[in-house]
Amino acid sequence: APDIAGKGISNPIATLRSVALMLDFLDQEEAA
């Protein structure tokens, strides 16, 4: 999403949920 970079309006939820997905694949279900 470079068109809104630096504006402070992007939604971080998808990124945070992607972190949780990575934890899932590391078998860290409790942390996810």
PDB file of all heavy atoms in Angstrom:
ATOM      1  N   ALA A   1       0.816  -1.227   0.000  1.00  0.00           N
ATOM      2  CA  ALA A   1       0.000   0.000   0.000  1.00  0.00           C
ATOM      3  C   ALA A   1       0.848   1.275   0.000  1.00  0.00           C
ATOM      4  O   ALA A   1       0.718   2.121   0.889  1.00  0.00           O
ATOM      5  CB  ALA A   1      -0.964  -0.003   1.181  1.00  0.00           C
ATOM      6  N   PRO A   2       1.737   1.459  -0.984  1.00  0.00           N
ATOM      7  CA  PRO A   2       2.627   2.637  -0.976  1.00  0.00           C
ATOM      8  C   PRO A   2       1.888   3.967  -1.132  1.00  0.00           C
ATOM      9  O   PRO A   2       2.422   5.008  -0.761  1.00  0.00           O
ATOM     10  CB  PRO A   2       3.555   2.380  -2.171  1.00  0.00           C
ATOM     11  CG  PRO A   2       2.766   1.485  -3.072  1.00  0.00           C
ATOM     12  CD  PRO A   2       1.960   0.605  -2.162  1.00  0.00           C
ATOM     13  N   ASP A   3       0.671   3.932  -1.643  1.00  0.00           N
ATOM     14  CA  ASP A   3      -0.063   5.180  -1.862  1.00  0.00           C
ATOM     15  C   ASP A   3      -0.455   5.869  -0.561  1.00  0.00           C
ATOM     16  O   ASP A   3      -0.723   7.078  -0.549  1.00  0.00           O
ATOM     17  CB  ASP A   3      -1.327   4.924  -2.702  1.00  0.00           C
ATOM     18  CG  ASP A   3      -2.237   3.874  -2.100  1.00  0.00           C
ATOM     19  OD1 ASP A   3      -1.706   2.845  -1.635  1.00  0.00           O
ATOM     20  OD2 ASP A   3      -3.455   4.073  -2.096  1.00  0.00           O
ATOM     21  N   ILE A   4      -0.472   5.125   0.562  1.00  0.00           N
ATOM     22  CA  ILE A   4      -0.830   5.750   1.837  1.00  0.00           C
ATOM     23  C   ILE A   4       0.319   5.671   2.839  1.00  0.00           C
ATOM     24  O   ILE A   4       0.126   5.896   4.036  1.00  0.00           O
ATOM     25  CB  ILE A   4      -2.109   5.136   2.447  1.00  0.00           C
ATOM     26  CG1 ILE A   4      -1.949   3.618   2.647  1.00  0.00           C
ATOM     27  CG2 ILE A   4      -3.314   5.434   1.582  1.00  0.00           C
ATOM     28  CD1 ILE A   4      -3.123   2.989   3.410  1.00  0.00           C
ATOM     29  N   ALA A   5       1.515   5.373   2.348  1.00  0.00           N
ATOM     30  CA  ALA A   5       2.676   5.270   3.240  1.00  0.00           C
ATOM     31  C   ALA A   5       2.940   6.597   3.940  1.00  0.00           C
ATOM     32  O   ALA A   5       2.883   7.670   3.325  1.00  0.00           O
ATOM     33  CB  ALA A   5       3.910   4.846   2.448  1.00  0.00           C
ATOM     34  N   GLY A   6       3.210   6.534   5.239  1.00  0.00           N
ATOM     35  CA  GLY A   6       3.573   7.714   6.002  1.00  0.00           C
ATOM     36  C   GLY A   6       2.413   8.574   6.451  1.00  0.00           C
ATOM     37  O   GLY A   6       2.616   9.582   7.143  1.00  0.00           O
ATOM     38  N   LYS A   7       1.200   8.211   6.085  1.00  0.00           N
ATOM     39  CA  LYS A   7       0.038   9.024   6.450  1.00  0.00           C
ATOM     40  C   LYS A   7      -0.574   8.629   7.790  1.00  0.00           C
ATOM     41  O   LYS A   7      -1.432   9.339   8.311  1.00  0.00           O
ATOM     42  CB  LYS A   7      -1.032   8.935   5.351  1.00  0.00           C
ATOM     43  CG  LYS A   7      -0.583   9.515   4.015  1.00  0.00           C
ATOM     44  CD  LYS A   7      -1.695   9.435   2.969  1.00  0.00           C
ATOM     45  CE  LYS A   7      -1.243  10.023   1.636  1.00  0.00           C
ATOM     46  NZ  LYS A   7      -2.331   9.950   0.603  1.00  0.00           N
ATOM     47  N   GLY A   8      -0.173   7.480   8.305  1.00  0.00           N
ATOM     48  CA  GLY A   8      -0.679   7.044   9.590  1.00  0.00           C
ATOM     49  C   GLY A   8      -2.124   6.591   9.570  1.00  0.00           C
ATOM     50  O   GLY A   8      -2.784   6.563  10.607  1.00  0.00           O
ATOM     51  N   ILE A   9      -2.624   6.211   8.395  1.00  0.00           N
ATOM     52  CA  ILE A   9      -4.030   5.816   8.293  1.00  0.00           C
ATOM     53  C   ILE A   9      -4.202   4.356   7.897  1.00  0.00           C
ATOM     54  O   ILE A   9      -5.323   3.858   7.811  1.00  0.00           O
ATOM     55  CB  ILE A   9      -4.794   6.694   7.279  1.00  0.00           C
ATOM     56  CG1 ILE A   9      -4.181   6.568   5.880  1.00  0.00           C
ATOM     57  CG2 ILE A   9      -4.817   8.145   7.739  1.00  0.00           C
ATOM     58  CD1 ILE A   9      -5.000   7.254   4.792  1.00  0.00           C
ATOM     59  N   SER A  10      -3.099   3.645   7.643  1.00  0.00           N
ATOM     60  CA  SER A  10      -3.226   2.251   7.215  1.00  0.00           C
ATOM     61  C   SER A  10      -3.695   1.386   8.380  1.00  0.00           C
ATOM     62  O   SER A  10      -3.386   1.642   9.540  1.00  0.00           O
ATOM     63  CB  SER A  10      -1.901   1.727   6.666  1.00  0.00           C
ATOM     64  OG  SER A  10      -0.908   1.749   7.663  1.00  0.00           O
ATOM     65  N   ASN A  11      -4.439   0.365   8.041  1.00  0.00           N
ATOM     66  CA  ASN A  11      -4.975  -0.544   9.046  1.00  0.00           C
ATOM     67  C   ASN A  11      -3.912  -1.595   9.383  1.00  0.00           C
ATOM     68  O   ASN A  11      -3.512  -2.371   8.516  1.00  0.00           O
ATOM     69  CB  ASN A  11      -6.233  -1.228   8.504  1.00  0.00           C
ATOM     70  CG  ASN A  11      -7.008  -1.978   9.571  1.00  0.00           C
ATOM     71  OD1 ASN A  11      -6.448  -2.381  10.578  1.00  0.00           O
ATOM     72  ND2 ASN A  11      -8.294  -2.177   9.358  1.00  0.00           N
ATOM     73  N   PRO A  12      -3.448  -1.662  10.641  1.00  0.00           N
ATOM     74  CA  PRO A  12      -2.389  -2.618  10.990  1.00  0.00           C
ATOM     75  C   PRO A  12      -2.903  -4.025  11.276  1.00  0.00           C
ATOM     76  O   PRO A  12      -2.107  -4.940  11.503  1.00  0.00           O
ATOM     77  CB  PRO A  12      -1.792  -2.007  12.259  1.00  0.00           C
ATOM     78  CG  PRO A  12      -2.967  -1.357  12.918  1.00  0.00           C
ATOM     79  CD  PRO A  12      -3.824  -0.813  11.792  1.00  0.00           C
ATOM     80  N   ILE A  13      -4.230  -4.208  11.265  1.00  0.00           N
ATOM     81  CA  ILE A  13      -4.798  -5.494  11.687  1.00  0.00           C
ATOM     82  C   ILE A  13      -4.326  -6.649  10.806  1.00  0.00           C
ATOM     83  O   ILE A  13      -3.977  -7.721  11.293  1.00  0.00           O
ATOM     84  CB  ILE A  13      -6.335  -5.430  11.713  1.00  0.00           C
ATOM     85  CG1 ILE A  13      -6.819  -4.385  12.737  1.00  0.00           C
ATOM     86  CG2 ILE A  13      -6.929  -6.797  12.024  1.00  0.00           C
ATOM     87  CD1 ILE A  13      -6.416  -4.662  14.157  1.00  0.00           C
ATOM     88  N   ALA A  14      -4.302  -6.444   9.497  1.00  0.00           N
ATOM     89  CA  ALA A  14      -3.873  -7.523   8.603  1.00  0.00           C
ATOM     90  C   ALA A  14      -2.438  -7.937   8.876  1.00  0.00           C
ATOM     91  O   ALA A  14      -2.098  -9.130   8.841  1.00  0.00           O
ATOM     92  CB  ALA A  14      -4.029  -7.100   7.143  1.00  0.00           C
ATOM     93  N   THR A  15      -1.570  -6.964   9.172  1.00  0.00           N
ATOM     94  CA  THR A  15      -0.183  -7.274   9.489  1.00  0.00           C
ATOM     95  C   THR A  15      -0.082  -8.031  10.810  1.00  0.00           C
ATOM     96  O   THR A  15       0.649  -9.019  10.920  1.00  0.00           O
ATOM     97  CB  THR A  15       0.654  -5.986   9.560  1.00  0.00           C
ATOM     98  OG1 THR A  15       0.558  -5.303   8.306  1.00  0.00           O
ATOM     99  CG2 THR A  15       2.116  -6.299   9.849  1.00  0.00           C
ATOM    100  N   LEU A  16      -0.820  -7.574  11.810  1.00  0.00           N
ATOM    101  CA  LEU A  16      -0.806  -8.245  13.111  1.00  0.00           C
ATOM    102  C   LEU A  16      -1.339  -9.667  13.000  1.00  0.00           C
ATOM    103  O   LEU A  16      -0.800 -10.599  13.617  1.00  0.00           O
ATOM    104  CB  LEU A  16      -1.625  -7.444  14.124  1.00  0.00           C
ATOM    105  CG  LEU A  16      -1.061  -6.065  14.489  1.00  0.00           C
ATOM    106  CD1 LEU A  16      -2.073  -5.270  15.290  1.00  0.00           C
ATOM    107  CD2 LEU A  16       0.245  -6.212  15.255  1.00  0.00           C
ATOM    108  N   ARG A  17      -2.395  -9.840  12.228  1.00  0.00           N
ATOM    109  CA  ARG A  17      -2.930 -11.189  12.036  1.00  0.00           C
ATOM    110  C   ARG A  17      -1.956 -12.064  11.246  1.00  0.00           C
ATOM    111  O   ARG A  17      -1.906 -13.291  11.445  1.00  0.00           O
ATOM    112  CB  ARG A  17      -4.285 -11.122  11.333  1.00  0.00           C
ATOM    113  CG  ARG A  17      -5.429 -10.741  12.270  1.00  0.00           C
ATOM    114  CD  ARG A  17      -6.742 -10.665  11.555  1.00  0.00           C
ATOM    115  NE  ARG A  17      -7.866 -10.677  12.497  1.00  0.00           N
ATOM    116  CZ  ARG A  17      -9.106 -10.330  12.183  1.00  0.00           C
ATOM    117  NH1 ARG A  17      -9.395  -9.945  10.950  1.00  0.00           N
ATOM    118  NH2 ARG A  17     -10.059 -10.381  13.083  1.00  0.00           N
ATOM    119  N   SER A  18      -1.177 -11.456  10.347  1.00  0.00           N
ATOM    120  CA  SER A  18      -0.171 -12.226   9.616  1.00  0.00           C
ATOM    121  C   SER A  18       0.922 -12.715  10.567  1.00  0.00           C
ATOM    122  O   SER A  18       1.474 -13.809  10.390  1.00  0.00           O
ATOM    123  CB  SER A  18       0.439 -11.380   8.492  1.00  0.00           C
ATOM    124  OG  SER A  18      -0.525 -11.084   7.496  1.00  0.00           O
ATOM    125  N   VAL A  19       1.247 -11.913  11.588  1.00  0.00           N
ATOM    126  CA  VAL A  19       2.186 -12.355  12.616  1.00  0.00           C
ATOM    127  C   VAL A  19       1.619 -13.585  13.332  1.00  0.00           C
ATOM    128  O   VAL A  19       2.332 -14.562  13.588  1.00  0.00           O
ATOM    129  CB  VAL A  19       2.462 -11.225  13.626  1.00  0.00           C
ATOM    130  CG1 VAL A  19       3.291 -11.757  14.798  1.00  0.00           C
ATOM    131  CG2 VAL A  19       3.181 -10.076  12.951  1.00  0.00           C
ATOM    132  N   ALA A  20       0.332 -13.526  13.651  1.00  0.00           N
ATOM    133  CA  ALA A  20      -0.309 -14.666  14.308  1.00  0.00           C
ATOM    134  C   ALA A  20      -0.276 -15.905  13.406  1.00  0.00           C
ATOM    135  O   ALA A  20      -0.062 -17.030  13.884  1.00  0.00           O
ATOM    136  CB  ALA A  20      -1.744 -14.317  14.686  1.00  0.00           C
ATOM    137  N   LEU A  21      -0.470 -15.708  12.110  1.00  0.00           N
ATOM    138  CA  LEU A  21      -0.370 -16.839  11.178  1.00  0.00           C
ATOM    139  C   LEU A  21       1.021 -17.455  11.221  1.00  0.00           C
ATOM    140  O   LEU A  21       1.177 -18.680  11.192  1.00  0.00           O
ATOM    141  CB  LEU A  21      -0.675 -16.366   9.746  1.00  0.00           C
ATOM    142  CG  LEU A  21      -2.119 -16.356   9.278  1.00  0.00           C
ATOM    143  CD1 LEU A  21      -2.187 -15.909   7.816  1.00  0.00           C
ATOM    144  CD2 LEU A  21      -2.762 -17.734   9.422  1.00  0.00           C
ATOM    145  N   MET A  22       2.051 -16.600  11.255  1.00  0.00           N
ATOM    146  CA  MET A  22       3.410 -17.115  11.326  1.00  0.00           C
ATOM    147  C   MET A  22       3.605 -17.941  12.599  1.00  0.00           C
ATOM    148  O   MET A  22       4.243 -18.994  12.593  1.00  0.00           O
ATOM    149  CB  MET A  22       4.419 -15.964  11.300  1.00  0.00           C
ATOM    150  CG  MET A  22       4.486 -15.236   9.969  1.00  0.00           C
ATOM    151  SD  MET A  22       4.898 -16.321   8.585  1.00  0.00           S
ATOM    152  CE  MET A  22       6.494 -16.909   9.079  1.00  0.00           C
ATOM    153  N   LEU A  23       3.036 -17.454  13.709  1.00  0.00           N
ATOM    154  CA  LEU A  23       3.132 -18.210  14.958  1.00  0.00           C
ATOM    155  C   LEU A  23       2.401 -19.551  14.843  1.00  0.00           C
ATOM    156  O   LEU A  23       2.852 -20.566  15.385  1.00  0.00           O
ATOM    157  CB  LEU A  23       2.571 -17.384  16.111  1.00  0.00           C
ATOM    158  CG  LEU A  23       3.428 -16.184  16.522  1.00  0.00           C
ATOM    159  CD1 LEU A  23       2.655 -15.280  17.475  1.00  0.00           C
ATOM    160  CD2 LEU A  23       4.722 -16.637  17.157  1.00  0.00           C
ATOM    161  N   ASP A  24       1.266 -19.554  14.135  1.00  0.00           N
ATOM    162  CA  ASP A  24       0.561 -20.814  13.880  1.00  0.00           C
ATOM    163  C   ASP A  24       1.482 -21.826  13.214  1.00  0.00           C
ATOM    164  O   ASP A  24       1.553 -22.990  13.603  1.00  0.00           O
ATOM    165  CB  ASP A  24      -0.655 -20.576  12.976  1.00  0.00           C
ATOM    166  CG  ASP A  24      -1.842 -19.994  13.721  1.00  0.00           C
ATOM    167  OD1 ASP A  24      -1.841 -20.055  14.960  1.00  0.00           O
ATOM    168  OD2 ASP A  24      -2.761 -19.484  13.058  1.00  0.00           O
ATOM    169  N   PHE A  25       2.185 -21.378  12.161  1.00  0.00           N
ATOM    170  CA  PHE A  25       3.044 -22.290  11.407  1.00  0.00           C
ATOM    171  C   PHE A  25       4.291 -22.685  12.192  1.00  0.00           C
ATOM    172  O   PHE A  25       4.965 -23.655  11.842  1.00  0.00           O
ATOM    173  CB  PHE A  25       3.421 -21.676  10.060  1.00  0.00           C
ATOM    174  CG  PHE A  25       2.326 -21.791   9.037  1.00  0.00           C
ATOM    175  CD1 PHE A  25       1.529 -20.702   8.737  1.00  0.00           C
ATOM    176  CD2 PHE A  25       2.075 -22.985   8.397  1.00  0.00           C
ATOM    177  CE1 PHE A  25       0.497 -20.811   7.822  1.00  0.00           C
ATOM    178  CE2 PHE A  25       1.047 -23.108   7.479  1.00  0.00           C
ATOM    179  CZ  PHE A  25       0.257 -22.015   7.185  1.00  0.00           C
ATOM    180  N   LEU A  26       4.608 -21.932  13.249  1.00  0.00           N
ATOM    181  CA  LEU A  26       5.707 -22.306  14.142  1.00  0.00           C
ATOM    182  C   LEU A  26       5.219 -23.168  15.306  1.00  0.00           C
ATOM    183  O   LEU A  26       5.951 -23.388  16.272  1.00  0.00           O
ATOM    184  CB  LEU A  26       6.388 -21.040  14.682  1.00  0.00           C
ATOM    185  CG  LEU A  26       7.191 -20.235  13.667  1.00  0.00           C
ATOM    186  CD1 LEU A  26       7.578 -18.871  14.247  1.00  0.00           C
ATOM    187  CD2 LEU A  26       8.445 -20.999  13.251  1.00  0.00           C
ATOM    188  N   ASP A  27       3.940 -23.614  15.193  1.00  0.00           N
ATOM    189  CA  ASP A  27       3.318 -24.437  16.240  1.00  0.00           C
ATOM    190  C   ASP A  27       3.236 -23.709  17.578  1.00  0.00           C
ATOM    191  O   ASP A  27       3.329 -24.318  18.642  1.00  0.00           O
ATOM    192  CB  ASP A  27       4.070 -25.764  16.408  1.00  0.00           C
ATOM    193  CG  ASP A  27       3.972 -26.640  15.161  1.00  0.00           C
ATOM    194  OD1 ASP A  27       2.892 -26.647  14.540  1.00  0.00           O
ATOM    195  OD2 ASP A  27       4.969 -27.298  14.808  1.00  0.00           O
ATOM    196  N   GLN A  28       3.047 -22.398  17.497  1.00  0.00           N
ATOM    197  CA  GLN A  28       2.871 -21.579  18.699  1.00  0.00           C
ATOM    198  C   GLN A  28       1.417 -21.104  18.755  1.00  0.00           C
ATOM    199  O   GLN A  28       1.119 -19.915  18.737  1.00  0.00           O
ATOM    200  CB  GLN A  28       3.836 -20.384  18.674  1.00  0.00           C
ATOM    201  CG  GLN A  28       5.297 -20.769  18.661  1.00  0.00           C
ATOM    202  CD  GLN A  28       5.749 -21.386  19.968  1.00  0.00           C
ATOM    203  OE1 GLN A  28       5.241 -21.049  21.033  1.00  0.00           O
ATOM    204  NE2 GLN A  28       6.702 -22.295  19.899  1.00  0.00           N
ATOM    205  N   GLU A  29       0.488 -22.084  18.816  1.00  0.00           N
ATOM    206  CA  GLU A  29      -0.930 -21.743  18.740  1.00  0.00           C
ATOM    207  C   GLU A  29      -1.393 -20.870  19.906  1.00  0.00           C
ATOM    208  O   GLU A  29      -2.244 -20.002  19.739  1.00  0.00           O
ATOM    209  CB  GLU A  29      -1.785 -23.019  18.679  1.00  0.00           C
ATOM    210  CG  GLU A  29      -1.681 -23.787  17.379  1.00  0.00           C
ATOM    211  CD  GLU A  29      -0.637 -24.876  17.441  1.00  0.00           C
ATOM    212  OE1 GLU A  29       0.116 -24.927  18.441  1.00  0.00           O
ATOM    213  OE2 GLU A  29      -0.541 -25.674  16.488  1.00  0.00           O
ATOM    214  N   GLU A  30      -0.809 -21.092  21.091  1.00  0.00           N
ATOM    215  CA  GLU A  30      -1.230 -20.315  22.255  1.00  0.00           C
ATOM    216  C   GLU A  30      -0.881 -18.835  22.066  1.00  0.00           C
ATOM    217  O   GLU A  30      -1.694 -17.950  22.354  1.00  0.00           O
ATOM    218  CB  GLU A  30      -0.567 -20.854  23.522  1.00  0.00           C
ATOM    219  CG  GLU A  30      -1.030 -20.146  24.792  1.00  0.00           C
ATOM    220  CD  GLU A  30      -0.399 -20.732  26.040  1.00  0.00           C
ATOM    221  OE1 GLU A  30       0.238 -21.807  25.955  1.00  0.00           O
ATOM    222  OE2 GLU A  30      -0.539 -20.101  27.110  1.00  0.00           O
ATOM    223  N   ALA A  31       0.318 -18.564  21.578  1.00  0.00           N
ATOM    224  CA  ALA A  31       0.721 -17.183  21.328  1.00  0.00           C
ATOM    225  C   ALA A  31      -0.138 -16.564  20.215  1.00  0.00           C
ATOM    226  O   ALA A  31      -0.551 -15.404  20.309  1.00  0.00           O
ATOM    227  CB  ALA A  31       2.196 -17.128  20.945  1.00  0.00           C
ATOM    228  N   ALA A  32      -0.401 -17.346  19.171  1.00  0.00           N
ATOM    229  CA  ALA A  32      -1.249 -16.852  18.081  1.00  0.00           C
ATOM    230  C   ALA A  32      -2.638 -16.516  18.590  1.00  0.00           C
ATOM    231  O   ALA A  32      -3.215 -15.477  18.232  1.00  0.00           O
ATOM    232  CB  ALA A  32      -1.331 -17.901  16.973  1.00  0.00           C
TER     233      ALA A  32
END
